[in-house]
PDB file of N, CA and C in Angstrom:
ATOM      1  N   MET A   1     116.872  -3.952  71.184  1.00  0.00           N
ATOM      2  CA  MET A   1     116.402  -2.880  72.025  1.00  0.00           C
ATOM      3  C   MET A   1     116.641  -1.557  71.289  1.00  0.00           C
ATOM      4  N   PRO A   2     115.633  -0.684  71.221  1.00  0.00           N
ATOM      5  CA  PRO A   2     115.808   0.611  70.559  1.00  0.00           C
ATOM      6  C   PRO A   2     116.842   1.471  71.292  1.00  0.00           C
ATOM      7  N   ARG A   3     117.522   2.325  70.532  1.00  0.00           N
ATOM      8  CA  ARG A   3     118.520   3.218  71.097  1.00  0.00           C
ATOM      9  C   ARG A   3     118.065   4.656  70.907  1.00  0.00           C
ATOM     10  N   LEU A   4     118.535   5.524  71.781  1.00  0.00           N
ATOM     11  CA  LEU A   4     118.191   6.938  71.715  1.00  0.00           C
ATOM     12  C   LEU A   4     119.453   7.744  71.987  1.00  0.00           C
ATOM     13  N   THR A   5     119.706   8.727  71.152  1.00  0.00           N
ATOM     14  CA  THR A   5     120.840   9.618  71.361  1.00  0.00           C
ATOM     15  C   THR A   5     120.315  10.957  71.861  1.00  0.00           C
ATOM     16  N   LEU A   6     120.908  11.458  72.942  1.00  0.00           N
ATOM     17  CA  LEU A   6     120.467  12.711  73.544  1.00  0.00           C
ATOM     18  C   LEU A   6     121.605  13.707  73.602  1.00  0.00           C
ATOM     19  N   ASP A   7     121.278  14.967  73.420  1.00  0.00           N
ATOM     20  CA  ASP A   7     122.211  16.050  73.683  1.00  0.00           C
ATOM     21  C   ASP A   7     121.856  16.614  75.045  1.00  0.00           C
ATOM     22  N   LEU A   8     122.816  16.602  75.980  1.00  0.00           N
ATOM     23  CA  LEU A   8     122.593  17.088  77.334  1.00  0.00           C
ATOM     24  C   LEU A   8     123.448  18.315  77.588  1.00  0.00           C
ATOM     25  N   SER A   9     122.923  19.231  78.359  1.00  0.00           N
ATOM     26  CA  SER A   9     123.754  20.359  78.784  1.00  0.00           C
ATOM     27  C   SER A   9     124.819  19.820  79.733  1.00  0.00           C
ATOM     28  N   ASP A  10     125.886  20.580  79.913  1.00  0.00           N
ATOM     29  CA  ASP A  10     126.935  20.159  80.842  1.00  0.00           C
ATOM     30  C   ASP A  10     126.376  19.973  82.245  1.00  0.00           C
ATOM     31  N   GLU A  11     125.472  20.865  82.636  1.00  0.00           N
ATOM     32  CA  GLU A  11     124.873  20.795  83.970  1.00  0.00           C
ATOM     33  C   GLU A  11     124.074  19.511  84.154  1.00  0.00           C
ATOM     34  N   VAL A  12     123.241  19.161  83.177  1.00  0.00           N
ATOM     35  CA  VAL A  12     122.430  17.940  83.269  1.00  0.00           C
ATOM     36  C   VAL A  12     123.332  16.714  83.251  1.00  0.00           C
ATOM     37  N   ASN A  13     124.351  16.719  82.413  1.00  0.00           N
ATOM     38  CA  ASN A  13     125.277  15.586  82.335  1.00  0.00           C
ATOM     39  C   ASN A  13     126.012  15.382  83.659  1.00  0.00           C
ATOM     40  N   LYS A  14     126.451  16.466  84.289  1.00  0.00           N
ATOM     41  CA  LYS A  14     127.145  16.360  85.579  1.00  0.00           C
ATOM     42  C   LYS A  14     126.209  15.810  86.654  1.00  0.00           C
ATOM     43  N   GLU A  15     124.958  16.273  86.649  1.00  0.00           N
ATOM     44  CA  GLU A  15     123.990  15.791  87.634  1.00  0.00           C
ATOM     45  C   GLU A  15     123.666  14.314  87.394  1.00  0.00           C
ATOM     46  N   LEU A  16     123.546  13.927  86.136  1.00  0.00           N
ATOM     47  CA  LEU A  16     123.313  12.526  85.792  1.00  0.00           C
ATOM     48  C   LEU A  16     124.478  11.664  86.256  1.00  0.00           C
ATOM     49  N   ASP A  17     125.698  12.120  86.026  1.00  0.00           N
ATOM     50  CA  ASP A  17     126.888  11.408  86.514  1.00  0.00           C
ATOM     51  C   ASP A  17     126.855  11.262  88.029  1.00  0.00           C
ATOM     52  N   ARG A  18     126.525  12.354  88.721  1.00  0.00           N
ATOM     53  CA  ARG A  18     126.501  12.336  90.176  1.00  0.00           C
ATOM     54  C   ARG A  18     125.473  11.342  90.706  1.00  0.00           C
ATOM     55  N   ILE A  19     124.281  11.368  90.128  1.00  0.00           N
ATOM     56  CA  ILE A  19     123.216  10.456  90.560  1.00  0.00           C
ATOM     57  C   ILE A  19     123.603   9.004  90.293  1.00  0.00           C
ATOM     58  N   ALA A  20     124.154   8.745  89.121  1.00  0.00           N
ATOM     59  CA  ALA A  20     124.560   7.385  88.770  1.00  0.00           C
ATOM     60  C   ALA A  20     125.630   6.867  89.731  1.00  0.00           C
ATOM     61  N   LYS A  21     126.637   7.685  89.990  1.00  0.00           N
ATOM     62  CA  LYS A  21     127.718   7.263  90.897  1.00  0.00           C
ATOM     63  C   LYS A  21     127.202   7.068  92.319  1.00  0.00           C
ATOM     64  N   ALA A  22     126.330   7.966  92.781  1.00  0.00           N
ATOM     65  CA  ALA A  22     125.805   7.873  94.147  1.00  0.00           C
ATOM     66  C   ALA A  22     124.984   6.611  94.352  1.00  0.00           C
ATOM     67  N   ASN A  23     124.381   6.103  93.280  1.00  0.00           N
ATOM     68  CA  ASN A  23     123.536   4.909  93.376  1.00  0.00           C
ATOM     69  C   ASN A  23     124.189   3.661  92.797  1.00  0.00           C
ATOM     70  N   CYS A  24     125.460   3.785  92.419  1.00  0.00           N
ATOM     71  CA  CYS A  24     126.225   2.656  91.852  1.00  0.00           C
ATOM     72  C   CYS A  24     125.492   2.034  90.659  1.00  0.00           C
ATOM     73  N   ILE A  25     125.005   2.901  89.777  1.00  0.00           N
ATOM     74  CA  ILE A  25     124.313   2.443  88.567  1.00  0.00           C
ATOM     75  C   ILE A  25     124.896   3.180  87.369  1.00  0.00           C
ATOM     76  N   SER A  26     124.579   2.694  86.196  1.00  0.00           N
ATOM     77  CA  SER A  26     125.027   3.362  84.979  1.00  0.00           C
ATOM     78  C   SER A  26     124.170   4.593  84.704  1.00  0.00           C
ATOM     79  N   LYS A  27     124.676   5.462  83.851  1.00  0.00           N
ATOM     80  CA  LYS A  27     123.887   6.623  83.446  1.00  0.00           C
ATOM     81  C   LYS A  27     122.630   6.171  82.710  1.00  0.00           C
ATOM     82  N   ALA A  28     122.740   5.100  81.938  1.00  0.00           N
ATOM     83  CA  ALA A  28     121.573   4.567  81.228  1.00  0.00           C
ATOM     84  C   ALA A  28     120.517   4.099  82.215  1.00  0.00           C
ATOM     85  N   GLU A  29     120.925   3.426  83.281  1.00  0.00           N
ATOM     86  CA  GLU A  29     119.967   2.972  84.295  1.00  0.00           C
ATOM     87  C   GLU A  29     119.340   4.160  85.011  1.00  0.00           C
ATOM     88  N   ALA A  30     120.125   5.182  85.279  1.00  0.00           N
ATOM     89  CA  ALA A  30     119.581   6.390  85.898  1.00  0.00           C
ATOM     90  C   ALA A  30     118.516   7.012  85.002  1.00  0.00           C
ATOM     91  N   MET A  31     118.755   7.044  83.701  1.00  0.00           N
ATOM     92  CA  MET A  31     117.775   7.583  82.756  1.00  0.00           C
ATOM     93  C   MET A  31     116.524   6.703  82.704  1.00  0.00           C
ATOM     94  N   ARG A  32     116.695   5.375  82.755  1.00  0.00           N
ATOM     95  CA  ARG A  32     115.538   4.477  82.765  1.00  0.00           C
ATOM     96  C   ARG A  32     114.676   4.730  84.004  1.00  0.00           C
ATOM     97  N   ARG A  33     115.325   4.922  85.145  1.00  0.00           N
ATOM     98  CA  ARG A  33     114.583   5.188  86.380  1.00  0.00           C
ATOM     99  C   ARG A  33     113.881   6.546  86.311  1.00  0.00           C
ATOM    100  N   ALA A  34     114.541   7.513  85.734  1.00  0.00           N
ATOM    101  CA  ALA A  34     113.925   8.835  85.573  1.00  0.00           C
ATOM    102  C   ALA A  34     112.681   8.727  84.690  1.00  0.00           C
ATOM    103  N   PHE A  35     112.783   7.965  83.624  1.00  0.00           N
ATOM    104  CA  PHE A  35     111.625   7.782  82.747  1.00  0.00           C
ATOM    105  C   PHE A  35     110.499   7.062  83.479  1.00  0.00           C
ATOM    106  N   ALA A  36     110.833   6.061  84.281  1.00  0.00           N
ATOM    107  CA  ALA A  36     109.813   5.336  85.045  1.00  0.00           C
ATOM    108  C   ALA A  36     109.095   6.284  85.999  1.00  0.00           C
ATOM    109  N   LEU A  37     109.830   7.177  86.638  1.00  0.00           N
ATOM    110  CA  LEU A  37     109.221   8.154  87.529  1.00  0.00           C
ATOM    111  C   LEU A  37     108.333   9.113  86.755  1.00  0.00           C
ATOM    112  N   LEU A  38     108.770   9.542  85.583  1.00  0.00           N
ATOM    113  CA  LEU A  38     107.965  10.414  84.737  1.00  0.00           C
ATOM    114  C   LEU A  38     106.681   9.717  84.303  1.00  0.00           C
ATOM    115  N   ALA A  39     106.766   8.431  83.986  1.00  0.00           N
ATOM    116  CA  ALA A  39     105.587   7.666  83.580  1.00  0.00           C
ATOM    117  C   ALA A  39     104.580   7.578  84.727  1.00  0.00           C
ATOM    118  N   VAL A  40     105.053   7.379  85.957  1.00  0.00           N
ATOM    119  CA  VAL A  40     104.159   7.347  87.116  1.00  0.00           C
ATOM    120  C   VAL A  40     103.499   8.711  87.292  1.00  0.00           C
ATOM    121  N   ALA A  41     104.281   9.777  87.169  1.00  0.00           N
ATOM    122  CA  ALA A  41     103.734  11.128  87.311  1.00  0.00           C
ATOM    123  C   ALA A  41     102.654  11.388  86.270  1.00  0.00           C
ATOM    124  N   GLU A  42     102.894  10.988  85.046  1.00  0.00           N
ATOM    125  CA  GLU A  42     101.925  11.191  83.968  1.00  0.00           C
ATOM    126  C   GLU A  42     100.652  10.387  84.216  1.00  0.00           C
ATOM    127  N   SER A  43     100.804   9.147  84.633  1.00  0.00           N
ATOM    128  CA  SER A  43      99.657   8.291  84.911  1.00  0.00           C
ATOM    129  C   SER A  43      98.808   8.866  86.045  1.00  0.00           C
ATOM    130  N   GLU A  44      99.454   9.304  87.109  1.00  0.00           N
ATOM    131  CA  GLU A  44      98.727   9.851  88.253  1.00  0.00           C
ATOM    132  C   GLU A  44      98.087  11.195  87.920  1.00  0.00           C
ATOM    133  N   LYS A  45      98.747  11.976  87.080  1.00  0.00           N
ATOM    134  CA  LYS A  45      98.183  13.260  86.667  1.00  0.00           C
ATOM    135  C   LYS A  45      96.856  13.049  85.943  1.00  0.00           C
ATOM    136  N   LYS A  46      96.785  12.013  85.112  1.00  0.00           N
ATOM    137  CA  LYS A  46      95.546  11.691  84.401  1.00  0.00           C
ATOM    138  C   LYS A  46      94.426  11.301  85.357  1.00  0.00           C
ATOM    139  N   ARG A  47      94.773  10.796  86.530  1.00  0.00           N
ATOM    140  CA  ARG A  47      93.786  10.386  87.532  1.00  0.00           C
ATOM    141  C   ARG A  47      93.433  11.532  88.483  1.00  0.00           C
ATOM    142  N   GLY A  48      94.049  12.689  88.252  1.00  0.00           N
ATOM    143  CA  GLY A  48      93.789  13.832  89.120  1.00  0.00           C
ATOM    144  C   GLY A  48      94.665  13.885  90.356  1.00  0.00           C
ATOM    145  N   ASN A  49      95.713  13.062  90.381  1.00  0.00           N
ATOM    146  CA  ASN A  49      96.636  13.012  91.513  1.00  0.00           C
ATOM    147  C   ASN A  49      97.945  13.693  91.139  1.00  0.00           C
ATOM    148  N   SER A  50      98.824  13.823  92.108  1.00  0.00           N
ATOM    149  CA  SER A  50     100.153  14.371  91.844  1.00  0.00           C
ATOM    150  C   SER A  50     101.174  13.659  92.715  1.00  0.00           C
ATOM    151  N   LEU A  51     102.434  13.818  92.367  1.00  0.00           N
ATOM    152  CA  LEU A  51     103.515  13.257  93.178  1.00  0.00           C
ATOM    153  C   LEU A  51     103.816  14.201  94.323  1.00  0.00           C
ATOM    154  N   GLY A  52     104.220  13.641  95.452  1.00  0.00           N
ATOM    155  CA  GLY A  52     104.517  14.476  96.608  1.00  0.00           C
ATOM    156  C   GLY A  52     105.819  14.071  97.270  1.00  0.00           C
ATOM    157  N   ILE A  53     106.287  14.964  98.112  1.00  0.00           N
ATOM    158  CA  ILE A  53     107.458  14.712  98.939  1.00  0.00           C
ATOM    159  C   ILE A  53     106.933  14.483 100.350  1.00  0.00           C
ATOM    160  N   VAL A  54     107.250  13.339 100.916  1.00  0.00           N
ATOM    161  CA  VAL A  54     106.776  13.014 102.260  1.00  0.00           C
ATOM    162  C   VAL A  54     107.940  12.594 103.140  1.00  0.00           C
ATOM    163  N   ARG A  55     107.719  12.753 104.439  1.00  0.00           N
ATOM    164  CA  ARG A  55     108.693  12.281 105.422  1.00  0.00           C
ATOM    165  C   ARG A  55     107.964  11.326 106.340  1.00  0.00           C
ATOM    166  N   GLU A  56     108.592  10.185 106.634  1.00  0.00           N
ATOM    167  CA  GLU A  56     107.983   9.192 107.510  1.00  0.00           C
ATOM    168  C   GLU A  56     108.600   9.269 108.898  1.00  0.00           C
ATOM    169  N   ASP A  57     107.755   9.353 109.915  1.00  0.00           N
ATOM    170  CA  ASP A  57     108.224   9.293 111.286  1.00  0.00           C
ATOM    171  C   ASP A  57     108.647   7.852 111.549  1.00  0.00           C
ATOM    172  N   PRO A  58     109.898   7.620 111.937  1.00  0.00           N
ATOM    173  CA  PRO A  58     110.377   6.240 112.105  1.00  0.00           C
ATOM    174  C   PRO A  58     109.688   5.469 113.219  1.00  0.00           C
ATOM    175  N   ASN A  59     109.112   6.162 114.192  1.00  0.00           N
ATOM    176  CA  ASN A  59     108.459   5.481 115.305  1.00  0.00           C
ATOM    177  C   ASN A  59     107.002   5.156 115.003  1.00  0.00           C
ATOM    178  N   SER A  60     106.259   6.144 114.533  1.00  0.00           N
ATOM    179  CA  SER A  60     104.828   5.938 114.304  1.00  0.00           C
ATOM    180  C   SER A  60     104.506   5.537 112.875  1.00  0.00           C
ATOM    181  N   HIS A  61     105.467   5.689 111.980  1.00  0.00           N
ATOM    182  CA  HIS A  61     105.282   5.442 110.547  1.00  0.00           C
ATOM    183  C   HIS A  61     104.261   6.402 109.930  1.00  0.00           C
ATOM    184  N   HIS A  62     103.978   7.486 110.642  1.00  0.00           N
ATOM    185  CA  HIS A  62     103.090   8.534 110.131  1.00  0.00           C
ATOM    186  C   HIS A  62     103.809   9.276 109.010  1.00  0.00           C
ATOM    187  N   LEU A  63     103.078   9.571 107.924  1.00  0.00           N
ATOM    188  CA  LEU A  63     103.645  10.308 106.813  1.00  0.00           C
ATOM    189  C   LEU A  63     103.247  11.772 106.904  1.00  0.00           C
ATOM    190  N   GLU A  64     104.243  12.634 106.771  1.00  0.00           N
ATOM    191  CA  GLU A  64     104.004  14.078 106.769  1.00  0.00           C
ATOM    192  C   GLU A  64     104.267  14.606 105.368  1.00  0.00           C
ATOM    193  N   ALA A  65     103.290  15.262 104.775  1.00  0.00           N
ATOM    194  CA  ALA A  65     103.446  15.843 103.436  1.00  0.00           C
ATOM    195  C   ALA A  65     104.298  17.098 103.551  1.00  0.00           C
ATOM    196  N   LEU A  66     105.378  17.138 102.757  1.00  0.00           N
ATOM    197  CA  LEU A  66     106.269  18.297 102.778  1.00  0.00           C
ATOM    198  C   LEU A  66     106.085  19.174 101.546  1.00  0.00           C
ATOM    199  N   GLY A  67     105.640  18.586 100.457  1.00  0.00           N
ATOM    200  CA  GLY A  67     105.455  19.365  99.239  1.00  0.00           C
ATOM    201  C   GLY A  67     104.930  18.512  98.110  1.00  0.00           C
ATOM    202  N   ARG A  68     104.642  19.183  97.012  1.00  0.00           N
ATOM    203  CA  ARG A  68     104.133  18.515  95.823  1.00  0.00           C
ATOM    204  C   ARG A  68     105.083  18.777  94.666  1.00  0.00           C
ATOM    205  N   VAL A  69     105.319  17.773  93.861  1.00  0.00           N
ATOM    206  CA  VAL A  69     106.165  17.904  92.667  1.00  0.00           C
ATOM    207  C   VAL A  69     105.291  18.459  91.550  1.00  0.00           C
ATOM    208  N   VAL A  70     105.680  19.598  91.011  1.00  0.00           N
ATOM    209  CA  VAL A  70     104.911  20.214  89.931  1.00  0.00           C
ATOM    210  C   VAL A  70     105.775  20.312  88.689  1.00  0.00           C
ATOM    211  N   GLY A  71     105.129  20.414  87.551  1.00  0.00           N
ATOM    212  CA  GLY A  71     105.843  20.598  86.297  1.00  0.00           C
ATOM    213  C   GLY A  71     106.270  19.328  85.613  1.00  0.00           C
ATOM    214  N   VAL A  72     105.781  18.194  86.074  1.00  0.00           N
ATOM    215  CA  VAL A  72     106.103  16.908  85.414  1.00  0.00           C
ATOM    216  C   VAL A  72     104.830  16.273  84.917  1.00  0.00           C
TER     217      VAL A  72
END
């Protein structure tokens, strides 16, 4: 498996640690998931779509759009 060495700012490293601990995963797994999300964003951008933030009503299962993720 190929390896990659990254230099992270203290802020990014702390956030990566926090996310990994909150999800009971390794920092490497958190980075893999981040890359997977970036790949989805890139694929959808090519199709003219974008990623969004939605909230689901637990009773009706209706989705309410709260915002769009930009810059990815």
